[in-house]
Amino acid sequence: MTHPLIAFLKTPMAAPETARLRHMRRWWMTLCWMLALTVLLLPLLKALFGPWGAGPALILTLAAPLHGASYFRAKLKADEACAQGAQP
């Protein structure tokens, strides 16, 4: 007989990552890195393009959370399907 805590530790905590989820995760990470780089380069962009230099930061500030929300929703759905024993 196995102790319940050992059985719990052997249970996978997340669904296997599908190609779609991996693609979404990589895009989300890329958007976050691009946003960080754009914020660091904001003084240079504003010097080069004036008030329009903040445009890329604004677009990425909107895109990263929107894509992140769709990724985390899909990831949660796959995790729940895996926990119930179904394929994601």
Protein backbone atom coordinates (compact mmCIF):
# COMPACT_ATOMS: atom_id res chain seq x y z
CA MET A 1 0.00 0.00 0.00
CA THR A 2 1.34 3.39 -1.04
CA HIS A 3 1.09 6.41 1.19
CA PRO A 4 -1.32 9.06 -0.21
CA LEU A 5 1.40 11.73 -0.27
CA ILE A 6 3.68 9.53 -2.36
CA ALA A 7 0.81 8.83 -4.77
CA PHE A 8 0.20 12.59 -4.95
CA LEU A 9 3.87 13.28 -5.73
CA LYS A 10 3.79 10.73 -8.56
CA THR A 11 0.72 12.36 -10.13
CA PRO A 12 1.51 14.79 -12.97
CA MET A 13 0.52 18.33 -12.02
CA ALA A 14 0.16 19.66 -15.54
CA ALA A 15 -0.93 18.37 -18.90
CA PRO A 16 1.69 17.42 -21.46
CA GLU A 17 2.46 20.47 -23.55
CA THR A 18 1.01 20.21 -27.04
CA ALA A 19 2.63 21.87 -30.04
CA ARG A 20 -0.07 24.56 -30.00
CA LEU A 21 0.49 25.35 -26.31
CA ARG A 22 4.27 25.41 -26.81
CA HIS A 23 3.82 27.82 -29.74
CA MET A 24 1.53 30.06 -27.68
CA ARG A 25 3.91 29.98 -24.71
CA ARG A 26 6.89 30.95 -26.86
CA TRP A 27 4.96 33.82 -28.46
CA TRP A 28 3.89 35.07 -25.02
CA MET A 29 7.48 34.96 -23.77
CA THR A 30 8.66 36.76 -26.92
CA LEU A 31 6.06 39.49 -26.44
CA CYS A 32 7.17 39.95 -22.82
CA TRP A 33 10.84 40.19 -23.81
CA MET A 34 10.03 42.61 -26.63
CA LEU A 35 8.05 44.78 -24.21
CA ALA A 36 10.95 44.83 -21.74
CA LEU A 37 13.40 45.76 -24.50
CA THR A 38 11.08 48.45 -25.84
CA VAL A 39 10.71 49.99 -22.37
CA LEU A 40 14.49 50.01 -21.93
CA LEU A 41 14.92 51.66 -25.33
CA LEU A 42 12.05 54.11 -24.84
CA PRO A 43 14.27 57.22 -24.43
CA LEU A 44 16.09 56.34 -27.67
CA LEU A 45 12.85 55.65 -29.53
CA LYS A 46 11.36 58.94 -28.35
CA ALA A 47 14.48 60.81 -29.42
CA LEU A 48 14.35 59.20 -32.88
CA PHE A 49 10.60 59.29 -33.56
CA GLY A 50 9.26 61.91 -31.16
CA PRO A 51 5.90 61.16 -29.57
CA TRP A 52 5.40 58.23 -31.97
CA GLY A 53 8.36 56.46 -30.36
CA ALA A 54 6.10 55.22 -27.57
CA GLY A 55 3.87 53.40 -30.10
CA PRO A 56 5.67 50.03 -30.00
CA ALA A 57 5.56 50.01 -26.20
CA LEU A 58 1.86 50.82 -26.26
CA ILE A 59 1.10 48.05 -28.76
CA LEU A 60 3.15 45.50 -26.80
CA THR A 61 1.57 46.63 -23.52
CA LEU A 62 -1.80 45.67 -25.00
CA ALA A 63 -0.70 42.56 -26.90
CA ALA A 64 1.25 40.75 -24.16
CA PRO A 65 -1.59 40.54 -21.59
CA LEU A 66 -4.21 39.72 -24.23
CA HIS A 67 -2.16 36.87 -25.65
CA GLY A 68 -1.17 35.80 -22.14
CA ALA A 69 -4.81 35.56 -21.11
CA SER A 70 -5.65 33.36 -24.10
CA TYR A 71 -2.58 31.18 -23.45
CA PHE A 72 -3.35 30.70 -19.76
CA ARG A 73 -7.00 29.94 -20.55
CA ALA A 74 -5.92 27.24 -23.04
CA LYS A 75 -3.33 25.90 -20.58
CA LEU A 76 -5.90 25.68 -17.78
CA LYS A 77 -8.33 23.88 -20.09
CA ALA A 78 -5.63 21.34 -21.06
CA ASP A 79 -4.65 20.83 -17.40
CA GLU A 80 -8.27 20.20 -16.41
CA ALA A 81 -8.73 17.74 -19.29
CA CYS A 82 -5.56 15.91 -18.24
CA ALA A 83 -6.69 15.76 -14.62
CA GLN A 84 -9.94 14.13 -15.73
CA GLY A 85 -8.03 11.57 -17.80
CA ALA A 86 -8.95 12.91 -21.24
CA GLN A 87 -6.60 13.99 -23.98
CA PRO A 88 -6.13 17.82 -24.32
